[in-house]
């Protein structure tokens, strides 16, 4: 178990989580990227820029 870096809510991640995976905080709904497994490090996921149909 870890905490969300945005809202500090409790997060429980599966044992099969991998670096680079995007997880969603159940409390605040923010997308989080798993930066590393050991130690478990999470950060807000980068937002994709809108391409406006280009």
Protein backbone atom coordinates (compact mmCIF):
# COMPACT_ATOMS: atom_id res chain seq x y z
CA UNK A 1 0.00 0.00 0.00
CA UNK A 2 1.13 3.55 -0.75
CA UNK A 3 -0.38 7.04 -0.83
CA UNK A 4 -1.46 9.28 -3.68
CA UNK A 5 0.99 12.17 -4.18
CA UNK A 6 -1.95 14.46 -5.04
CA UNK A 7 -4.51 13.83 -2.28
CA UNK A 8 -2.56 11.54 0.09
CA UNK A 9 -5.35 8.94 -0.17
CA UNK A 10 -4.45 5.29 0.37
CA UNK A 11 -3.67 3.30 -2.79
CA UNK A 12 -3.41 -0.47 -2.98
CA UNK A 13 -1.63 -1.68 -6.09
CA UNK A 14 -1.49 -5.25 -7.34
CA UNK A 15 1.68 -7.30 -7.05
CA UNK A 16 1.90 -7.31 -10.86
CA UNK A 17 2.24 -3.51 -11.22
CA UNK A 18 5.11 -2.48 -13.53
CA UNK A 19 7.12 0.68 -14.05
CA UNK A 20 5.50 2.92 -16.64
CA UNK A 21 1.99 1.70 -15.82
CA UNK A 22 -0.77 4.27 -15.33
CA UNK A 23 -2.98 3.79 -12.27
CA UNK A 24 -5.95 5.86 -11.11
CA UNK A 25 -6.39 7.13 -7.58
CA UNK A 26 -9.73 5.91 -6.24
CA UNK A 27 -10.10 8.97 -4.00
CA UNK A 28 -9.34 11.94 -6.29
CA UNK A 29 -9.39 10.26 -9.73
CA UNK A 30 -6.00 11.56 -10.86
CA UNK A 31 -3.97 9.42 -13.29
CA UNK A 32 -0.65 8.39 -11.75
CA UNK A 33 2.40 6.90 -13.45
CA UNK A 34 4.43 4.24 -11.67
CA UNK A 35 7.96 5.63 -11.95
CA UNK A 36 9.71 2.79 -10.14
CA UNK A 37 8.87 -0.38 -8.25
CA UNK A 38 11.70 -0.45 -5.69
CA UNK A 39 11.12 1.90 -4.01
CA UNK A 40 7.52 2.35 -5.18
CA UNK A 41 7.38 5.85 -6.64
CA UNK A 42 4.29 7.47 -8.16
CA UNK A 43 3.89 10.81 -9.93
CA UNK A 44 1.06 12.51 -11.80
CA UNK A 45 0.92 11.06 -15.31
CA UNK A 46 1.86 13.40 -18.16
CA UNK A 47 -1.18 14.87 -19.87
CA UNK A 48 -1.56 14.18 -23.58
CA UNK A 49 -1.83 17.34 -25.63
CA UNK A 50 -5.01 17.74 -27.68
CA UNK A 51 -4.23 17.38 -31.38
CA UNK A 52 -7.53 18.95 -32.53
CA UNK A 53 -7.89 16.40 -35.33
CA UNK A 54 -4.44 16.92 -36.80
